C-alpha atoms as a PDB file:
ATOM      1  CA  MET A   1      -5.723   5.964  -9.460  1.00  0.00           C
ATOM      2  CA  GLN A   2      -8.872   6.546  -7.646  1.00  0.00           C
ATOM      3  CA  VAL A   3      -8.904   7.399  -3.964  1.00  0.00           C
ATOM      4  CA  LEU A   4     -11.855   7.201  -1.733  1.00  0.00           C
ATOM      5  CA  SER A   5     -11.766   8.746   1.755  1.00  0.00           C
ATOM      6  CA  LYS A   6     -13.788   7.246   4.511  1.00  0.00           C
ATOM      7  CA  PRO A   7     -13.649   7.966   8.209  1.00  0.00           C
ATOM      8  CA  ASN A   8     -10.399   6.653   9.520  1.00  0.00           C
ATOM      9  CA  SER A   9      -9.321   5.207   6.381  1.00  0.00           C
ATOM     10  CA  LYS A  10      -8.529   5.649   2.656  1.00  0.00           C
ATOM     11  CA  ILE A  11      -9.138   3.315  -0.105  1.00  0.00           C
ATOM     12  CA  PHE A  12      -8.110   3.318  -3.560  1.00  0.00           C
ATOM     13  CA  VAL A  13      -8.976   1.506  -6.632  1.00  0.00           C
ATOM     14  CA  GLN A  14      -6.475   0.091  -8.991  1.00  0.00           C
ATOM     15  CA  GLY A  15      -7.834  -2.109 -11.974  1.00  0.00           C
ATOM     16  CA  ASN A  16     -10.418  -4.393 -10.479  1.00  0.00           C
ATOM     17  CA  GLU A  17      -8.849  -4.499  -7.017  1.00  0.00           C
ATOM     18  CA  MET A  18      -9.202  -2.140  -3.929  1.00  0.00           C
ATOM     19  CA  PHE A  19      -6.726  -1.483  -1.317  1.00  0.00           C
ATOM     20  CA  THR A  20      -6.630   0.324   2.003  1.00  0.00           C
ATOM     21  CA  ILE A  21      -3.762   2.690   2.736  1.00  0.00           C
ATOM     22  CA  LEU A  22      -2.157   1.448   6.022  1.00  0.00           C
ATOM     23  CA  HIS A  23       0.983   3.887   5.988  1.00  0.00           C
ATOM     24  CA  ILE A  24       2.472   6.777   3.882  1.00  0.00           C
ATOM     25  CA  VAL A  25       6.282   7.212   3.855  1.00  0.00           C
ATOM     26  CA  ASN A  26       8.524   9.252   1.802  1.00  0.00           C
ATOM     27  CA  ARG A  27      10.532   7.381  -0.931  1.00  0.00           C
ATOM     28  CA  THR A  28      13.879   9.168   0.328  1.00  0.00           C
ATOM     29  CA  GLN A  29      13.653   7.047   3.625  1.00  0.00           C
ATOM     30  CA  PHE A  30      14.350   3.718   1.731  1.00  0.00           C
ATOM     31  CA  VAL A  31      16.570   5.117  -1.169  1.00  0.00           C
ATOM     32  CA  ASP A  32      20.383   3.965  -0.936  1.00  0.00           C
ATOM     33  CA  LYS A  33      23.412   5.598  -2.437  1.00  0.00           C
ATOM     34  CA  THR A  34      22.674   4.306  -6.006  1.00  0.00           C
ATOM     35  CA  ASN A  35      19.124   6.040  -5.866  1.00  0.00           C
ATOM     36  CA  THR A  36      17.406   2.591  -5.826  1.00  0.00           C
ATOM     37  CA  ILE A  37      14.824   1.651  -3.181  1.00  0.00           C
ATOM     38  CA  ASN A  38      16.250  -0.821  -0.510  1.00  0.00           C
ATOM     39  CA  ARG A  39      13.884  -3.658  -0.843  1.00  0.00           C
ATOM     40  CA  THR A  40      14.862  -5.411   2.272  1.00  0.00           C
ATOM     41  CA  SER A  41      14.278  -2.610   4.700  1.00  0.00           C
ATOM     42  CA  LEU A  42      11.040  -1.400   2.927  1.00  0.00           C
ATOM     43  CA  GLY A  43       9.975  -5.208   3.257  1.00  0.00           C
ATOM     44  CA  TYR A  44      10.355  -4.957   7.008  1.00  0.00           C
ATOM     45  CA  MET A  45       8.316  -1.884   7.120  1.00  0.00           C
ATOM     46  CA  VAL A  46       5.630  -3.456   5.234  1.00  0.00           C
ATOM     47  CA  GLN A  47       5.655  -6.494   7.532  1.00  0.00           C
ATOM     48  CA  TRP A  48       5.632  -4.215  10.533  1.00  0.00           C
ATOM     49  CA  CYS A  49       2.447  -2.278   9.125  1.00  0.00           C
ATOM     50  CA  GLY A  50       0.730  -5.683   8.150  1.00  0.00           C
ATOM     51  CA  GLY A  51       0.489  -4.688   4.451  1.00  0.00           C
ATOM     52  CA  ASP A  52       1.018  -6.890   1.385  1.00  0.00           C
ATOM     53  CA  LYS A  53       1.659  -4.387  -1.367  1.00  0.00           C
ATOM     54  CA  VAL A  54       3.542  -1.172  -1.951  1.00  0.00           C
ATOM     55  CA  VAL A  55       2.405   1.575  -4.490  1.00  0.00           C
ATOM     56  CA  GLN A  56       4.557   4.439  -5.517  1.00  0.00           C
ATOM     57  CA  HIS A  57       2.546   7.733  -6.137  1.00  0.00           C
ATOM     58  CA  ASP A  58       4.705  11.052  -6.702  1.00  0.00           C
ATOM     59  CA  ASP A  59       7.234  10.783  -4.244  1.00  0.00           C
ATOM     60  CA  LYS A  60       5.465   8.926  -1.682  1.00  0.00           C
ATOM     61  CA  LEU A  61       5.342   5.052  -1.012  1.00  0.00           C
ATOM     62  CA  LEU A  62       1.858   3.715  -0.158  1.00  0.00           C
ATOM     63  CA  ILE A  63       1.829   0.612   2.181  1.00  0.00           C
ATOM     64  CA  CYS A  64      -1.298  -1.021   1.470  1.00  0.00           C
ATOM     65  CA  SER A  65      -3.444  -4.164   2.247  1.00  0.00           C
ATOM     66  CA  LYS A  66      -5.775  -5.501  -0.437  1.00  0.00           C
ATOM     67  CA  ILE A  67      -9.427  -5.745   0.389  1.00  0.00           C
ATOM     68  CA  GLU A  68     -10.529  -9.271  -0.217  1.00  0.00           C
ATOM     69  CA  ASP A  69     -14.029 -10.009  -1.759  1.00  0.00           C
ATOM     70  CA  ALA A  70     -16.527 -11.489   0.477  1.00  0.00           C
ATOM     71  CA  GLN A  71     -16.861 -15.300   0.082  1.00  0.00           C
ATOM     72  CA  TYR A  72     -20.614 -16.206  -0.134  1.00  0.00           C
ATOM     73  CA  GLU A  73     -22.693 -19.386  -1.182  1.00  0.00           C
ATOM     74  CA  THR A  74     -25.975 -19.264  -2.901  1.00  0.00           C
ATOM     75  CA  ILE A  75     -28.514 -21.670  -1.138  1.00  0.00           C
END
């Protein structure tokens, strides 16, 4: 995972897609008794942050938003 730091934002590249990191949380905040991630509460957090993807890096969960390609038309 390649991370690019820009003023006031962090962008990372995964494959051919680019994502903006909106929020970083500890994995332990969403783990239940069976050591699995509670997807319901994590989903509420993702909606609250306005993200559309979660990536786990080390012990952190990165709530991200995909950077869309610009739509253009050749005239």
